[in-house]
Every structure is written in structure tokens, then in C-alpha cells.
Protein backbone atom coordinates (compact mmCIF):
# COMPACT_ATOMS: atom_id res chain seq x y z
CA MET A 1 33.69 -15.45 -23.20
CA THR A 2 30.11 -15.89 -21.43
CA VAL A 3 27.49 -16.63 -24.02
CA LEU A 4 23.85 -15.88 -22.51
CA MET A 5 22.20 -13.27 -20.53
CA SER A 6 18.81 -13.79 -19.20
CA ALA A 7 15.84 -11.23 -19.72
CA ALA A 8 15.79 -10.76 -16.08
CA ALA A 9 19.53 -9.74 -16.08
CA LEU A 10 19.12 -7.59 -18.92
CA GLU A 11 16.12 -5.79 -17.41
CA GLY A 12 18.11 -5.11 -14.25
CA ARG A 13 20.79 -3.63 -16.19
CA LEU A 14 18.66 -1.45 -17.95
CA THR A 15 16.49 -0.43 -14.88
CA ALA A 16 19.90 0.43 -13.02
CA GLY A 17 20.95 2.53 -16.17
CA ILE A 18 24.01 0.36 -16.79
CA HIS A 19 25.02 1.19 -20.08
CA THR A 20 24.37 -1.71 -22.77
CA VAL A 21 24.28 -1.59 -26.49
CA LEU A 22 21.14 -3.73 -27.62
CA LEU A 23 21.02 -5.06 -31.26
CA ASP A 24 17.76 -6.42 -32.68
CA VAL A 25 18.69 -9.34 -35.34
CA ARG A 26 15.23 -10.16 -36.54
CA TRP A 27 15.72 -12.21 -39.76
CA ALA A 28 14.42 -15.40 -40.73
CA LEU A 29 14.69 -17.59 -44.00
CA GLY A 30 11.78 -16.65 -45.98
CA ASP A 31 10.83 -13.54 -44.01
CA PRO A 32 12.26 -10.13 -45.51
CA TYR A 33 10.48 -8.22 -43.01
CA GLY A 34 12.76 -7.95 -40.11
CA ARG A 35 12.93 -4.20 -40.17
CA GLU A 36 9.30 -3.86 -40.10
CA HIS A 37 8.78 -6.20 -37.28
CA TYR A 38 11.73 -3.93 -35.41
CA LEU A 39 9.83 -0.92 -36.17
CA ALA A 40 6.58 -2.01 -34.68
CA GLY A 41 8.10 -3.01 -31.40
CA HIS A 42 11.64 -3.58 -29.98
CA ILE A 43 13.27 -3.72 -26.71
CA PRO A 44 13.61 0.06 -25.70
CA GLY A 45 17.03 1.48 -26.90
CA ALA A 46 17.60 -1.42 -29.49
CA VAL A 47 19.11 -0.67 -32.99
CA PHE A 48 18.46 -2.84 -35.79
CA ALA A 49 21.17 -4.97 -37.17
CA ASP A 50 20.51 -5.88 -40.67
CA LEU A 51 21.73 -9.52 -41.44
CA ASP A 52 21.88 -9.39 -45.23
CA HIS A 53 23.52 -6.13 -45.46
CA GLU A 54 25.39 -5.75 -42.22
CA LEU A 55 26.31 -8.89 -40.87
CA ALA A 56 27.08 -10.42 -44.36
CA GLY A 57 29.28 -9.47 -47.45
CA HIS A 58 28.37 -10.44 -50.92
CA GLY A 59 30.61 -12.11 -53.44
CA GLU A 60 30.43 -15.21 -55.93
CA PRO A 61 27.95 -18.03 -55.36
CA SER A 62 30.93 -20.34 -54.26
CA ASP A 63 31.39 -17.89 -51.48
CA GLY A 64 28.02 -18.74 -49.98
CA ARG A 65 24.87 -16.75 -49.37
CA HIS A 66 26.10 -15.02 -46.43
CA PRO A 67 29.79 -14.66 -46.62
CA LEU A 68 31.60 -12.46 -43.73
CA PRO A 69 31.63 -8.99 -44.45
CA ALA A 70 34.95 -7.18 -45.08
CA GLU A 71 36.73 -6.28 -41.70
CA ALA A 72 36.80 -2.34 -42.65
CA HIS A 73 33.20 -2.61 -43.54
CA PHE A 74 32.39 -4.29 -40.51
CA GLN A 75 34.10 -1.85 -38.24
CA GLU A 76 32.13 1.07 -39.81
CA THR A 77 29.05 -1.00 -39.05
CA VAL A 78 29.92 -1.59 -35.47
CA ARG A 79 30.60 1.95 -34.79
CA ARG A 80 27.32 3.08 -36.48
CA TRP A 81 25.66 0.51 -33.88
CA GLY A 82 27.09 2.80 -31.27
CA ILE A 83 29.44 0.44 -29.80
CA ASN A 84 32.55 1.76 -28.09
CA ALA A 85 35.58 -0.09 -26.59
CA GLY A 86 34.60 -2.13 -23.73
CA ASP A 87 30.98 -1.90 -24.11
CA THR A 88 28.55 -4.72 -23.03
CA VAL A 89 26.53 -5.73 -26.01
CA VAL A 90 23.41 -7.77 -26.00
CA VAL A 91 21.83 -9.31 -29.17
CA TYR A 92 18.46 -10.78 -29.57
CA ASP A 93 16.01 -12.03 -32.24
CA ASP A 94 12.48 -13.43 -32.33
CA ALA A 95 13.65 -17.04 -33.62
CA GLY A 96 15.36 -18.47 -30.26
CA GLY A 97 18.67 -17.00 -31.26
CA ALA A 98 19.12 -18.32 -34.64
CA ALA A 99 19.90 -15.08 -36.41
CA ALA A 100 21.09 -13.24 -33.34
CA ALA A 101 23.76 -15.92 -32.78
CA ARG A 102 25.25 -14.58 -36.29
CA ALA A 103 25.94 -10.92 -34.51
CA TRP A 104 27.16 -12.63 -31.25
CA TRP A 105 29.69 -14.77 -33.28
CA LEU A 106 30.69 -12.11 -35.38
CA LEU A 107 31.32 -9.66 -32.95
CA GLY A 108 33.28 -12.03 -31.01
CA TYR A 109 35.32 -13.02 -34.05
CA ALA A 110 36.10 -9.04 -34.51
CA GLY A 111 37.72 -9.14 -30.89
CA LEU A 112 34.65 -7.65 -28.73
CA ASP A 113 34.72 -9.71 -25.47
CA GLU A 114 31.48 -8.53 -23.67
CA VAL A 115 28.74 -9.71 -26.08
CA TYR A 116 25.85 -11.82 -24.92
CA LEU A 117 22.88 -13.67 -26.59
CA LEU A 118 19.59 -12.73 -24.90
CA ASP A 119 18.50 -16.29 -23.69
CA GLY A 120 14.97 -16.73 -25.01
CA GLY A 121 15.19 -13.62 -27.18
CA LEU A 122 12.20 -11.52 -27.61
CA ALA A 123 9.87 -14.16 -26.46
CA ALA A 124 11.39 -14.14 -23.09
CA TRP A 125 11.20 -10.42 -22.82
CA ARG A 126 7.46 -10.60 -23.91
CA ALA A 127 6.59 -13.45 -21.52
CA ALA A 128 7.59 -11.26 -18.52
CA HIS A 129 5.51 -8.41 -19.87
CA ARG A 130 8.36 -6.19 -20.40
CA PRO A 131 7.85 -3.03 -22.51
CA LEU A 132 8.43 -2.75 -26.37
CA ALA A 133 9.20 0.42 -28.25
CA PRO A 134 8.27 1.52 -31.66
CA GLY A 135 10.26 3.29 -34.26
CA GLU A 136 13.86 3.56 -35.23
CA VAL A 137 16.78 4.16 -32.60
CA ALA A 138 19.71 5.96 -34.21
CA ALA A 139 22.84 5.68 -31.83
CA GLU A 140 25.38 7.83 -31.22
CA PRO A 141 28.67 6.76 -33.35
CA GLY A 142 30.94 4.38 -31.41
CA ASP A 143 34.76 4.18 -31.54
CA ALA A 144 35.23 0.28 -31.20
CA VAL A 145 38.14 -1.45 -33.31
CA VAL A 146 37.44 -4.56 -35.19
CA HIS A 147 40.38 -7.20 -35.56
CA TYR A 148 39.14 -10.41 -37.31
CA GLY A 149 40.38 -13.68 -36.09
CA ALA A 150 39.53 -14.00 -32.34
CA LYS A 151 37.26 -16.99 -33.33
CA ALA A 152 38.37 -20.07 -35.40
CA VAL A 153 37.10 -20.40 -38.91
CA ILE A 154 37.45 -23.00 -41.70
CA ASP A 155 37.18 -22.73 -45.53
CA THR A 156 35.81 -25.13 -48.16
CA THR A 157 38.82 -27.13 -48.44
CA ASP A 158 39.25 -27.65 -44.47
CA ALA A 159 35.45 -28.59 -44.36
CA GLY A 160 36.13 -31.42 -46.88
CA ASP A 161 39.14 -32.73 -44.96
CA TRP A 162 37.50 -32.17 -41.53
CA PRO A 163 35.76 -35.53 -41.01
CA ARG A 164 39.01 -37.26 -41.35
CA HIS A 165 40.39 -35.89 -38.22
CA GLY A 166 37.50 -34.29 -36.31
CA ILE A 167 33.70 -33.93 -36.07
CA LEU A 168 31.96 -31.85 -38.59
CA LEU A 169 28.50 -30.85 -37.45
CA ASP A 170 25.82 -29.90 -39.89
CA ALA A 171 23.34 -27.52 -38.03
CA ARG A 172 20.52 -27.63 -40.74
CA ALA A 173 17.07 -29.50 -40.30
CA GLY A 174 17.51 -33.18 -40.89
CA GLU A 175 15.50 -33.41 -43.96
CA ARG A 176 17.98 -31.00 -45.68
CA PHE A 177 20.86 -33.12 -44.23
CA ARG A 178 19.32 -36.26 -45.68
CA GLY A 179 18.89 -34.53 -48.93
CA GLU A 180 15.08 -35.03 -48.88
CA ALA A 181 14.47 -31.23 -49.45
CA GLU A 182 16.44 -28.30 -50.43
CA PRO A 183 14.67 -25.04 -50.58
CA VAL A 184 17.33 -22.42 -51.39
CA ASP A 185 20.68 -24.10 -52.41
CA PRO A 186 21.79 -25.93 -55.72
CA ARG A 187 22.15 -29.23 -54.60
CA ALA A 188 20.49 -31.31 -51.74
CA GLY A 189 22.58 -33.48 -49.08
CA HIS A 190 25.42 -32.97 -47.10
CA ILE A 191 29.28 -32.78 -46.93
CA PRO A 192 30.56 -36.21 -46.83
CA GLY A 193 31.29 -37.24 -43.24
CA ALA A 194 29.33 -34.59 -41.68
CA VAL A 195 27.01 -35.51 -38.69
CA SER A 196 23.34 -34.06 -38.59
CA ALA A 197 22.93 -31.77 -35.51
CA PRO A 198 20.05 -29.40 -36.03
CA THR A 199 20.18 -26.32 -33.82
CA THR A 200 16.46 -26.98 -32.86
CA GLY A 201 17.78 -29.52 -30.61
CA ASN A 202 20.00 -26.83 -28.66
CA LEU A 203 16.66 -25.30 -27.17
CA ALA A 204 14.03 -26.01 -24.60
CA PRO A 205 10.37 -25.55 -25.68
CA GLU A 206 10.41 -21.93 -24.48
CA GLN A 207 13.26 -21.23 -26.91
CA THR A 208 15.79 -20.96 -24.27
CA PHE A 209 18.98 -22.70 -24.46
CA LEU A 210 19.15 -26.22 -22.86
CA PRO A 211 21.22 -26.24 -19.67
CA ALA A 212 24.96 -26.93 -20.10
CA ALA A 213 25.05 -30.46 -18.77
CA GLU A 214 22.13 -31.22 -21.42
CA LEU A 215 24.02 -29.68 -24.15
CA ARG A 216 27.03 -31.69 -23.33
CA ALA A 217 25.07 -34.90 -23.33
CA ARG A 218 23.70 -33.84 -26.65
CA PHE A 219 27.02 -33.14 -28.09
CA ALA A 220 28.53 -36.23 -26.49
CA ALA A 221 26.13 -38.37 -28.12
CA LEU A 222 27.10 -37.19 -31.43
CA GLY A 223 30.72 -37.83 -30.57
CA VAL A 224 32.10 -34.59 -29.42
CA GLN A 225 34.47 -35.36 -26.60
CA GLU A 226 37.08 -33.37 -24.87
CA GLY A 227 39.90 -32.24 -26.85
CA ALA A 228 37.97 -33.32 -30.04
CA GLU A 229 38.56 -30.93 -33.22
CA VAL A 230 35.01 -29.59 -33.92
CA ALA A 231 33.69 -27.43 -36.72
CA VAL A 232 30.19 -26.47 -37.62
CA TYR A 233 28.34 -25.44 -40.71
CA CYS A 234 24.67 -24.78 -41.83
CA GLY A 235 23.07 -23.51 -45.06
CA SER A 236 24.78 -20.14 -45.10
CA GLY A 237 26.95 -19.56 -41.87
CA VAL A 238 24.17 -17.90 -40.05
CA THR A 239 22.56 -20.94 -37.51
CA ALA A 240 26.15 -22.49 -37.49
CA ALA A 241 26.90 -19.80 -35.09
CA HIS A 242 23.92 -20.68 -33.01
CA GLN A 243 25.58 -24.20 -32.86
CA VAL A 244 28.99 -22.80 -31.93
CA ALA A 245 27.30 -20.89 -29.18
CA ALA A 246 25.39 -24.13 -27.86
CA LEU A 247 28.88 -25.92 -28.02
CA GLU A 248 30.55 -23.05 -25.93
CA ILE A 249 27.85 -23.29 -23.26
CA ALA A 250 28.60 -27.14 -23.03
CA GLY A 251 32.35 -26.41 -22.62
CA PHE A 252 33.57 -27.15 -26.21
CA ALA A 253 35.26 -24.93 -28.66
CA ALA A 254 34.32 -25.08 -32.50
CA ALA A 255 35.42 -23.54 -35.75
CA LEU A 256 32.71 -22.13 -38.12
CA TYR A 257 32.48 -22.56 -41.68
CA PRO A 258 31.17 -19.31 -42.90
CA GLY A 259 30.40 -20.33 -46.57
CA SER A 260 28.53 -23.27 -45.26
CA TRP A 261 26.34 -25.56 -47.55
CA SER A 262 25.59 -22.58 -49.79
CA ALA A 263 29.05 -22.46 -50.66
CA TRP A 264 29.71 -26.28 -50.97
CA SER A 265 26.85 -26.87 -53.32
CA ASN A 266 27.82 -24.23 -55.60
CA ARG A 267 30.94 -26.28 -56.65
CA PRO A 268 29.80 -28.97 -58.87
CA GLU A 269 33.19 -30.82 -58.55
CA LEU A 270 32.64 -31.52 -54.72
CA PRO A 271 30.94 -34.58 -53.77
CA VAL A 272 27.59 -34.85 -52.01
CA GLU A 273 26.33 -37.29 -49.56
CA VAL A 274 22.55 -38.21 -48.85
CA GLY A 275 20.92 -40.13 -46.35
CA GLU A 276 21.28 -40.25 -42.62
CA ARG A 277 24.72 -41.75 -42.48
CA GLY A 278 26.03 -40.96 -45.99
CA ASP A 279 24.23 -43.84 -47.74
CA SER A 280 25.44 -42.69 -51.08
CA VAL A 281 27.56 -40.24 -52.62
CA VAL A 282 26.05 -37.86 -55.44
CA SER A 283 28.38 -36.25 -57.91
């Protein structure tokens, strides 16, 4: 599946009247005002996608902060967004794709093929002086059918075993990986054997993804080679999807651990490493 669509390509589709479903996924850790930002101005025709309530379910702490929504619930959501079978969907945010990638990944996991991340997000749209529209967009209900399983996932047991046979990438900021800071989850550190790979390293200064060759070199330096078994986690399974997208651009397939660190750190019986290269294990 192609990952990215440029702002120019999206504008061309909209200008030509080519049917395109747009999802605005503005969300950031510590900023609960995504809907308000959307209402103030969004790409014309975009429907707001609520990450906390539509792109995530709710469960026990050991399930993580953003577990996957139930399949039946997500099908209702997808149809409410106005998505029909075969539609082209473009998702964006205002944070370099960090939140929008969750919608991109989840729609792909649900079996939808034509789903794209707007490269550079709303910043790229604004930079070209393209219009924004205020207010809420209510879509006509769609008929898309959701079937989970089109992308690979792992669970907590798999994540603990993964470094023995593959590469487990931690997409969080380096200070969280090293255990120097932990703003939201019960314990600081990382899953033993994981490799630090912050998602910020996937982006150019203008918040677009790096070219495929540069991303491939980045991941190769982290040990990712052709045929390697790669899995990714982050804090709660959101920005890990950004890492999966970057890996796909680079030509690598990767599984996602939806529970991520928020699930792992809520299991006190599981070990935790701290430091850049697992300097010590903390019980």
C-alpha cells in the first residue's frame, strides 16, 4: 500500500472533483483540544476523527492507554466517517503525522487499501496557502466493511520474546527510552532488548517524511536488514504506527505492538531496562 500523498496531489484531486475522504486526526499528548482546532479551520470537506474515542478502545491498564477499538465498533465509525468500499482516504494532523498515522495504520489493518498519509500534514497545506474551512463536516454514511488482520500485530508476550529473534524498535523520545523521564506511564525505561528509534528521526525539518533512501539508511543503521523480523512499539501504540509507515516507505514490513509501553509498564512482573543500551534491568 502506498503510504504518502503530497499536498499538491491532494489539491489536484479536490480541484478535479475526484472523490476523496479526508480525515482530520488532530491529537497530541497533553493537548485535549483537537476538535476545537479542527472546528477553527480544517481542509475543506475533512471529517474529524477522534483518536481517544474512535481510533482506540478502552480496557484494563494492562491493555494500554489506546488499545485497538473492537472491530464492530470501528466498522460503525468508518461508515460514520462516510467511507465506502473502494474509496480513497487521506488522513492528516498538525504534528508531522504522529497521530494521523494511527488512522492510516488502523484503516489498513481493517482491510482498506487506498489510505494515504498527507505528507507534511496541515503544515504543508498551509505553507502552500491552500484554503481552510471552519465548522463541522457531517458525512453521508458509508458502506465500507471492516475485517481486522491485514497488518501484523504482536502482544505483550511476543514483545518480550521479540529481541531474541528480531528487532524491536522503541519509537518514543530518547529520554523516555533511557528511563530519564516518564510523563504518563507507571514505570520508566524500555522493554529489554529494544532499540531506540524516535519517530522524530523519520522527518525532515518541514515535517515531511525523509526520502525512502534516507529512511532505509536510518533503519539499516539500527540493524534493520532485508528479511529481518521487525516490530515497533511506543507509549500507547499511536506513534508506533508512524514508525511502521516510515519502515514501509523504506521498504521494510513491521508488526505493531498496540499495547506498547503503557501496557508493558502496567505489568509489575515484567522487567524493565534503563539506559541507552540496557545498562541495567529494573524489577
